Amino acid sequence: MDIGVARGLAWTSVGGDTLSIEVNVMPGSGKVELTGKLGDVMKESAKTAVSYIRSKCDEYGIDPDFYKNKDIHIH
């Protein structure tokens, strides 16, 4: 697994598949950009992932204000 890549699961009526979810964090103004063909559940999951990281900043040594001065692109 590469840094910035996570595995996700897709479900359809004829089966499922795994997906590579790519994330890039760069200097910015706190924008979260979601691209690709994402359904509502995937969009909610992406936003929940950012909230989770915010809740664990101290544990992972991340600046608690990262979301204010970084843009996060999830594809």
PDB file of N, CA and C in Angstrom:
ATOM      1  N   MET A   1       0.850  -1.180   0.000  1.00  0.00           N
ATOM      2  CA  MET A   1       0.000   0.000   0.000  1.00  0.00           C
ATOM      3  C   MET A   1       0.896   1.243   0.000  1.00  0.00           C
ATOM      4  N   ASP A   2       0.548   2.209  -0.807  1.00  0.00           N
ATOM      5  CA  ASP A   2       1.285   3.457  -0.895  1.00  0.00           C
ATOM      6  C   ASP A   2       0.726   4.474   0.087  1.00  0.00           C
ATOM      7  N   ILE A   3       1.577   5.419   0.497  1.00  0.00           N
ATOM      8  CA  ILE A   3       1.109   6.536   1.302  1.00  0.00           C
ATOM      9  C   ILE A   3       0.166   7.353   0.444  1.00  0.00           C
ATOM     10  N   GLY A   4      -0.989   7.715   0.993  1.00  0.00           N
ATOM     11  CA  GLY A   4      -1.972   8.492   0.249  1.00  0.00           C
ATOM     12  C   GLY A   4      -2.962   7.639  -0.513  1.00  0.00           C
ATOM     13  N   VAL A   5      -2.866   6.315  -0.385  1.00  0.00           N
ATOM     14  CA  VAL A   5      -3.798   5.426  -1.064  1.00  0.00           C
ATOM     15  C   VAL A   5      -4.408   4.482  -0.027  1.00  0.00           C
ATOM     16  N   ALA A   6      -5.729   4.370  -0.067  1.00  0.00           N
ATOM     17  CA  ALA A   6      -6.442   3.441   0.812  1.00  0.00           C
ATOM     18  C   ALA A   6      -7.295   2.538  -0.056  1.00  0.00           C
ATOM     19  N   ARG A   7      -7.721   1.423   0.496  1.00  0.00           N
ATOM     20  CA  ARG A   7      -8.591   0.497  -0.233  1.00  0.00           C
ATOM     21  C   ARG A   7     -10.016   0.710   0.229  1.00  0.00           C
ATOM     22  N   GLY A   8     -10.915   0.715  -0.736  1.00  0.00           N
ATOM     23  CA  GLY A   8     -12.343   0.829  -0.459  1.00  0.00           C
ATOM     24  C   GLY A   8     -13.068  -0.320  -1.131  1.00  0.00           C
ATOM     25  N   LEU A   9     -14.325  -0.499  -0.756  1.00  0.00           N
ATOM     26  CA  LEU A   9     -15.143  -1.549  -1.335  1.00  0.00           C
ATOM     27  C   LEU A   9     -16.301  -0.930  -2.097  1.00  0.00           C
ATOM     28  N   ALA A  10     -16.578  -1.460  -3.262  1.00  0.00           N
ATOM     29  CA  ALA A  10     -17.731  -1.034  -4.048  1.00  0.00           C
ATOM     30  C   ALA A  10     -18.698  -2.206  -4.129  1.00  0.00           C
ATOM     31  N   TRP A  11     -19.969  -1.934  -4.026  1.00  0.00           N
ATOM     32  CA  TRP A  11     -20.987  -2.964  -4.117  1.00  0.00           C
ATOM     33  C   TRP A  11     -21.931  -2.615  -5.247  1.00  0.00           C
ATOM     34  N   THR A  12     -22.293  -3.608  -6.032  1.00  0.00           N
ATOM     35  CA  THR A  12     -23.303  -3.441  -7.073  1.00  0.00           C
ATOM     36  C   THR A  12     -24.243  -4.640  -7.010  1.00  0.00           C
ATOM     37  N   SER A  13     -25.294  -4.590  -7.778  1.00  0.00           N
ATOM     38  CA  SER A  13     -26.262  -5.705  -7.775  1.00  0.00           C
ATOM     39  C   SER A  13     -25.681  -6.983  -8.367  1.00  0.00           C
ATOM     40  N   VAL A  14     -24.570  -6.885  -9.086  1.00  0.00           N
ATOM     41  CA  VAL A  14     -23.952  -8.078  -9.685  1.00  0.00           C
ATOM     42  C   VAL A  14     -22.628  -8.450  -9.023  1.00  0.00           C
ATOM     43  N   GLY A  15     -22.333  -7.887  -7.903  1.00  0.00           N
ATOM     44  CA  GLY A  15     -21.092  -8.221  -7.212  1.00  0.00           C
ATOM     45  C   GLY A  15     -20.434  -6.997  -6.625  1.00  0.00           C
ATOM     46  N   GLY A  16     -19.127  -7.038  -6.514  1.00  0.00           N
ATOM     47  CA  GLY A  16     -18.402  -5.924  -5.929  1.00  0.00           C
ATOM     48  C   GLY A  16     -16.969  -5.914  -6.391  1.00  0.00           C
ATOM     49  N   ASP A  17     -16.239  -4.937  -5.903  1.00  0.00           N
ATOM     50  CA  ASP A  17     -14.846  -4.784  -6.294  1.00  0.00           C
ATOM     51  C   ASP A  17     -14.150  -3.938  -5.240  1.00  0.00           C
ATOM     52  N   THR A  18     -12.840  -3.964  -5.245  1.00  0.00           N
ATOM     53  CA  THR A  18     -12.084  -3.059  -4.384  1.00  0.00           C
ATOM     54  C   THR A  18     -11.648  -1.857  -5.216  1.00  0.00           C
ATOM     55  N   LEU A  19     -11.508  -0.735  -4.557  1.00  0.00           N
ATOM     56  CA  LEU A  19     -11.148   0.513  -5.213  1.00  0.00           C
ATOM     57  C   LEU A  19      -9.916   1.107  -4.548  1.00  0.00           C
ATOM     58  N   SER A  20      -9.075   1.762  -5.323  1.00  0.00           N
ATOM     59  CA  SER A  20      -7.986   2.553  -4.760  1.00  0.00           C
ATOM     60  C   SER A  20      -8.511   3.961  -4.546  1.00  0.00           C
ATOM     61  N   ILE A  21      -8.439   4.433  -3.325  1.00  0.00           N
ATOM     62  CA  ILE A  21      -8.880   5.781  -2.988  1.00  0.00           C
ATOM     63  C   ILE A  21      -7.621   6.601  -2.756  1.00  0.00           C
ATOM     64  N   GLU A  22      -7.427   7.593  -3.602  1.00  0.00           N
ATOM     65  CA  GLU A  22      -6.215   8.405  -3.562  1.00  0.00           C
ATOM     66  C   GLU A  22      -6.498   9.726  -2.865  1.00  0.00           C
ATOM     67  N   VAL A  23      -5.555  10.152  -2.031  1.00  0.00           N
ATOM     68  CA  VAL A  23      -5.711  11.389  -1.276  1.00  0.00           C
ATOM     69  C   VAL A  23      -4.450  12.221  -1.413  1.00  0.00           C
ATOM     70  N   ASN A  24      -4.643  13.503  -1.634  1.00  0.00           N
ATOM     71  CA  ASN A  24      -3.524  14.435  -1.695  1.00  0.00           C
ATOM     72  C   ASN A  24      -3.855  15.619  -0.803  1.00  0.00           C
ATOM     73  N   VAL A  25      -2.910  16.011   0.036  1.00  0.00           N
ATOM     74  CA  VAL A  25      -3.072  17.162   0.917  1.00  0.00           C
ATOM     75  C   VAL A  25      -2.051  18.201   0.502  1.00  0.00           C
ATOM     76  N   MET A  26      -2.530  19.434   0.333  1.00  0.00           N
ATOM     77  CA  MET A  26      -1.643  20.503  -0.124  1.00  0.00           C
ATOM     78  C   MET A  26      -2.004  21.802   0.575  1.00  0.00           C
ATOM     79  N   PRO A  27      -1.094  22.777   0.595  1.00  0.00           N
ATOM     80  CA  PRO A  27      -1.429  24.073   1.184  1.00  0.00           C
ATOM     81  C   PRO A  27      -2.674  24.643   0.514  1.00  0.00           C
ATOM     82  N   GLY A  28      -3.515  25.288   1.302  1.00  0.00           N
ATOM     83  CA  GLY A  28      -4.739  25.858   0.753  1.00  0.00           C
ATOM     84  C   GLY A  28      -5.558  26.568   1.807  1.00  0.00           C
ATOM     85  N   SER A  29      -6.864  26.537   1.607  1.00  0.00           N
ATOM     86  CA  SER A  29      -7.769  27.296   2.473  1.00  0.00           C
ATOM     87  C   SER A  29      -8.782  26.426   3.205  1.00  0.00           C
ATOM     88  N   GLY A  30      -8.547  25.115   3.254  1.00  0.00           N
ATOM     89  CA  GLY A  30      -9.435  24.228   3.988  1.00  0.00           C
ATOM     90  C   GLY A  30     -10.504  23.569   3.146  1.00  0.00           C
ATOM     91  N   LYS A  31     -10.332  23.559   1.845  1.00  0.00           N
ATOM     92  CA  LYS A  31     -11.321  22.960   0.950  1.00  0.00           C
ATOM     93  C   LYS A  31     -11.117  21.444   0.882  1.00  0.00           C
ATOM     94  N   VAL A  32     -12.229  20.705   0.906  1.00  0.00           N
ATOM     95  CA  VAL A  32     -12.201  19.266   0.668  1.00  0.00           C
ATOM     96  C   VAL A  32     -12.838  19.051  -0.694  1.00  0.00           C
ATOM     97  N   GLU A  33     -12.062  18.502  -1.620  1.00  0.00           N
ATOM     98  CA  GLU A  33     -12.537  18.270  -2.976  1.00  0.00           C
ATOM     99  C   GLU A  33     -12.686  16.772  -3.202  1.00  0.00           C
ATOM    100  N   LEU A  34     -13.870  16.355  -3.619  1.00  0.00           N
ATOM    101  CA  LEU A  34     -14.153  14.954  -3.907  1.00  0.00           C
ATOM    102  C   LEU A  34     -14.385  14.829  -5.400  1.00  0.00           C
ATOM    103  N   THR A  35     -13.595  13.983  -6.062  1.00  0.00           N
ATOM    104  CA  THR A  35     -13.738  13.804  -7.501  1.00  0.00           C
ATOM    105  C   THR A  35     -13.918  12.333  -7.836  1.00  0.00           C
ATOM    106  N   GLY A  36     -14.352  12.072  -9.039  1.00  0.00           N
ATOM    107  CA  GLY A  36     -14.626  10.710  -9.476  1.00  0.00           C
ATOM    108  C   GLY A  36     -16.119  10.452  -9.378  1.00  0.00           C
ATOM    109  N   LYS A  37     -16.512   9.250  -9.745  1.00  0.00           N
ATOM    110  CA  LYS A  37     -17.925   8.865  -9.699  1.00  0.00           C
ATOM    111  C   LYS A  37     -18.243   8.354  -8.294  1.00  0.00           C
ATOM    112  N   LEU A  38     -18.556   9.286  -7.401  1.00  0.00           N
ATOM    113  CA  LEU A  38     -18.833   8.932  -6.012  1.00  0.00           C
ATOM    114  C   LEU A  38     -20.330   9.021  -5.740  1.00  0.00           C
ATOM    115  N   GLY A  39     -20.871   7.976  -5.163  1.00  0.00           N
ATOM    116  CA  GLY A  39     -22.252   8.020  -4.704  1.00  0.00           C
ATOM    117  C   GLY A  39     -22.328   8.724  -3.366  1.00  0.00           C
ATOM    118  N   ASP A  40     -23.529   8.909  -2.861  1.00  0.00           N
ATOM    119  CA  ASP A  40     -23.714   9.613  -1.593  1.00  0.00           C
ATOM    120  C   ASP A  40     -22.994   8.933  -0.434  1.00  0.00           C
ATOM    121  N   VAL A  41     -23.005   7.601  -0.408  1.00  0.00           N
ATOM    122  CA  VAL A  41     -22.353   6.877   0.690  1.00  0.00           C
ATOM    123  C   VAL A  41     -20.845   7.109   0.659  1.00  0.00           C
ATOM    124  N   MET A  42     -20.247   7.096  -0.524  1.00  0.00           N
ATOM    125  CA  MET A  42     -18.807   7.333  -0.632  1.00  0.00           C
ATOM    126  C   MET A  42     -18.468   8.771  -0.227  1.00  0.00           C
ATOM    127  N   LYS A  43     -19.308   9.717  -0.597  1.00  0.00           N
ATOM    128  CA  LYS A  43     -19.081  11.117  -0.205  1.00  0.00           C
ATOM    129  C   LYS A  43     -19.140  11.256   1.312  1.00  0.00           C
ATOM    130  N   GLU A  44     -20.117  10.617   1.928  1.00  0.00           N
ATOM    131  CA  GLU A  44     -20.224  10.643   3.383  1.00  0.00           C
ATOM    132  C   GLU A  44     -19.011   9.991   4.032  1.00  0.00           C
ATOM    133  N   SER A  45     -18.537   8.892   3.478  1.00  0.00           N
ATOM    134  CA  SER A  45     -17.370   8.195   4.020  1.00  0.00           C
ATOM    135  C   SER A  45     -16.125   9.061   3.941  1.00  0.00           C
ATOM    136  N   ALA A  46     -15.952   9.790   2.853  1.00  0.00           N
ATOM    137  CA  ALA A  46     -14.788  10.665   2.698  1.00  0.00           C
ATOM    138  C   ALA A  46     -14.819  11.778   3.752  1.00  0.00           C
ATOM    139  N   LYS A  47     -15.969  12.367   3.948  1.00  0.00           N
ATOM    140  CA  LYS A  47     -16.089  13.437   4.953  1.00  0.00           C
ATOM    141  C   LYS A  47     -15.899  12.893   6.361  1.00  0.00           C
ATOM    142  N   THR A  48     -16.385  11.683   6.599  1.00  0.00           N
ATOM    143  CA  THR A  48     -16.193  11.051   7.906  1.00  0.00           C
ATOM    144  C   THR A  48     -14.721  10.757   8.156  1.00  0.00           C
ATOM    145  N   ALA A  49     -13.987  10.374   7.122  1.00  0.00           N
ATOM    146  CA  ALA A  49     -12.552  10.108   7.266  1.00  0.00           C
ATOM    147  C   ALA A  49     -11.812  11.366   7.701  1.00  0.00           C
ATOM    148  N   VAL A  50     -12.158  12.507   7.120  1.00  0.00           N
ATOM    149  CA  VAL A  50     -11.522  13.768   7.521  1.00  0.00           C
ATOM    150  C   VAL A  50     -11.876  14.078   8.980  1.00  0.00           C
ATOM    151  N   SER A  51     -13.117  13.879   9.371  1.00  0.00           N
ATOM    152  CA  SER A  51     -13.525  14.108  10.763  1.00  0.00           C
ATOM    153  C   SER A  51     -12.770  13.191  11.713  1.00  0.00           C
ATOM    154  N   TYR A  52     -12.576  11.946  11.315  1.00  0.00           N
ATOM    155  CA  TYR A  52     -11.841  10.993  12.143  1.00  0.00           C
ATOM    156  C   TYR A  52     -10.411  11.468  12.369  1.00  0.00           C
ATOM    157  N   ILE A  53      -9.750  11.892  11.304  1.00  0.00           N
ATOM    158  CA  ILE A  53      -8.370  12.385  11.439  1.00  0.00           C
ATOM    159  C   ILE A  53      -8.340  13.595  12.362  1.00  0.00           C
ATOM    160  N   ARG A  54      -9.312  14.494  12.215  1.00  0.00           N
ATOM    161  CA  ARG A  54      -9.366  15.664  13.104  1.00  0.00           C
ATOM    162  C   ARG A  54      -9.493  15.235  14.560  1.00  0.00           C
ATOM    163  N   SER A  55     -10.236  14.161  14.824  1.00  0.00           N
ATOM    164  CA  SER A  55     -10.433  13.704  16.204  1.00  0.00           C
ATOM    165  C   SER A  55      -9.191  13.019  16.766  1.00  0.00           C
ATOM    166  N   LYS A  56      -8.253  12.612  15.921  1.00  0.00           N
ATOM    167  CA  LYS A  56      -7.056  11.881  16.335  1.00  0.00           C
ATOM    168  C   LYS A  56      -5.767  12.690  16.167  1.00  0.00           C
ATOM    169  N   CYS A  57      -5.862  14.001  15.956  1.00  0.00           N
ATOM    170  CA  CYS A  57      -4.676  14.830  15.709  1.00  0.00           C
ATOM    171  C   CYS A  57      -3.606  14.659  16.776  1.00  0.00           C
ATOM    172  N   ASP A  58      -4.000  14.726  18.035  1.00  0.00           N
ATOM    173  CA  ASP A  58      -3.014  14.597  19.121  1.00  0.00           C
ATOM    174  C   ASP A  58      -2.312  13.246  19.075  1.00  0.00           C
ATOM    175  N   GLU A  59      -3.073  12.203  18.856  1.00  0.00           N
ATOM    176  CA  GLU A  59      -2.532  10.846  18.842  1.00  0.00           C
ATOM    177  C   GLU A  59      -1.530  10.637  17.704  1.00  0.00           C
ATOM    178  N   TYR A  60      -1.779  11.273  16.548  1.00  0.00           N
ATOM    179  CA  TYR A  60      -0.926  11.093  15.384  1.00  0.00           C
ATOM    180  C   TYR A  60       0.071  12.230  15.159  1.00  0.00           C
ATOM    181  N   GLY A  61       0.102  13.209  16.065  1.00  0.00           N
ATOM    182  CA  GLY A  61       1.051  14.310  15.928  1.00  0.00           C
ATOM    183  C   GLY A  61       0.754  15.235  14.756  1.00  0.00           C
ATOM    184  N   ILE A  62      -0.522  15.429  14.468  1.00  0.00           N
ATOM    185  CA  ILE A  62      -0.948  16.288  13.371  1.00  0.00           C
ATOM    186  C   ILE A  62      -1.410  17.626  13.944  1.00  0.00           C
ATOM    187  N   ASP A  63      -1.059  18.715  13.276  1.00  0.00           N
ATOM    188  CA  ASP A  63      -1.515  20.041  13.682  1.00  0.00           C
ATOM    189  C   ASP A  63      -3.042  20.050  13.739  1.00  0.00           C
ATOM    190  N   PRO A  64      -3.643  20.364  14.888  1.00  0.00           N
ATOM    191  CA  PRO A  64      -5.101  20.332  15.009  1.00  0.00           C
ATOM    192  C   PRO A  64      -5.822  21.304  14.071  1.00  0.00           C
ATOM    193  N   ASP A  65      -5.126  22.286  13.563  1.00  0.00           N
ATOM    194  CA  ASP A  65      -5.737  23.250  12.644  1.00  0.00           C
ATOM    195  C   ASP A  65      -5.428  22.937  11.182  1.00  0.00           C
ATOM    196  N   PHE A  66      -4.944  21.698  10.905  1.00  0.00           N
ATOM    197  CA  PHE A  66      -4.555  21.358   9.531  1.00  0.00           C
ATOM    198  C   PHE A  66      -5.685  21.604   8.544  1.00  0.00           C
ATOM    199  N   TYR A  67      -6.905  21.352   8.953  1.00  0.00           N
ATOM    200  CA  TYR A  67      -8.041  21.453   8.038  1.00  0.00           C
ATOM    201  C   TYR A  67      -8.370  22.905   7.667  1.00  0.00           C
ATOM    202  N   LYS A  68      -7.781  23.859   8.373  1.00  0.00           N
ATOM    203  CA  LYS A  68      -8.020  25.274   8.075  1.00  0.00           C
ATOM    204  C   LYS A  68      -7.073  25.819   7.009  1.00  0.00           C
ATOM    205  N   ASN A  69      -5.876  25.226   6.894  1.00  0.00           N
ATOM    206  CA  ASN A  69      -4.884  25.765   5.956  1.00  0.00           C
ATOM    207  C   ASN A  69      -4.354  24.725   4.966  1.00  0.00           C
ATOM    208  N   LYS A  70      -5.079  23.635   4.828  1.00  0.00           N
ATOM    209  CA  LYS A  70      -4.739  22.594   3.857  1.00  0.00           C
ATOM    210  C   LYS A  70      -5.968  22.275   3.018  1.00  0.00           C
ATOM    211  N   ASP A  71      -5.769  22.020   1.752  1.00  0.00           N
ATOM    212  CA  ASP A  71      -6.823  21.495   0.899  1.00  0.00           C
ATOM    213  C   ASP A  71      -6.613  19.992   0.806  1.00  0.00           C
ATOM    214  N   ILE A  72      -7.700  19.255   0.834  1.00  0.00           N
ATOM    215  CA  ILE A  72      -7.655  17.793   0.767  1.00  0.00           C
ATOM    216  C   ILE A  72      -8.419  17.362  -0.473  1.00  0.00           C
ATOM    217  N   HIS A  73      -7.722  16.661  -1.362  1.00  0.00           N
ATOM    218  CA  HIS A  73      -8.338  16.155  -2.591  1.00  0.00           C
ATOM    219  C   HIS A  73      -8.444  14.644  -2.479  1.00  0.00           C
ATOM    220  N   ILE A  74      -9.671  14.152  -2.545  1.00  0.00           N
ATOM    221  CA  ILE A  74      -9.930  12.715  -2.457  1.00  0.00           C
ATOM    222  C   ILE A  74     -10.521  12.266  -3.780  1.00  0.00           C
ATOM    223  N   HIS A  75      -9.887  11.243  -4.383  1.00  0.00           N
ATOM    224  CA  HIS A  75     -10.346  10.738  -5.678  1.00  0.00           C
ATOM    225  C   HIS A  75     -10.442   9.220  -5.629  1.00  0.00           C
TER     226      HIS A  75
END
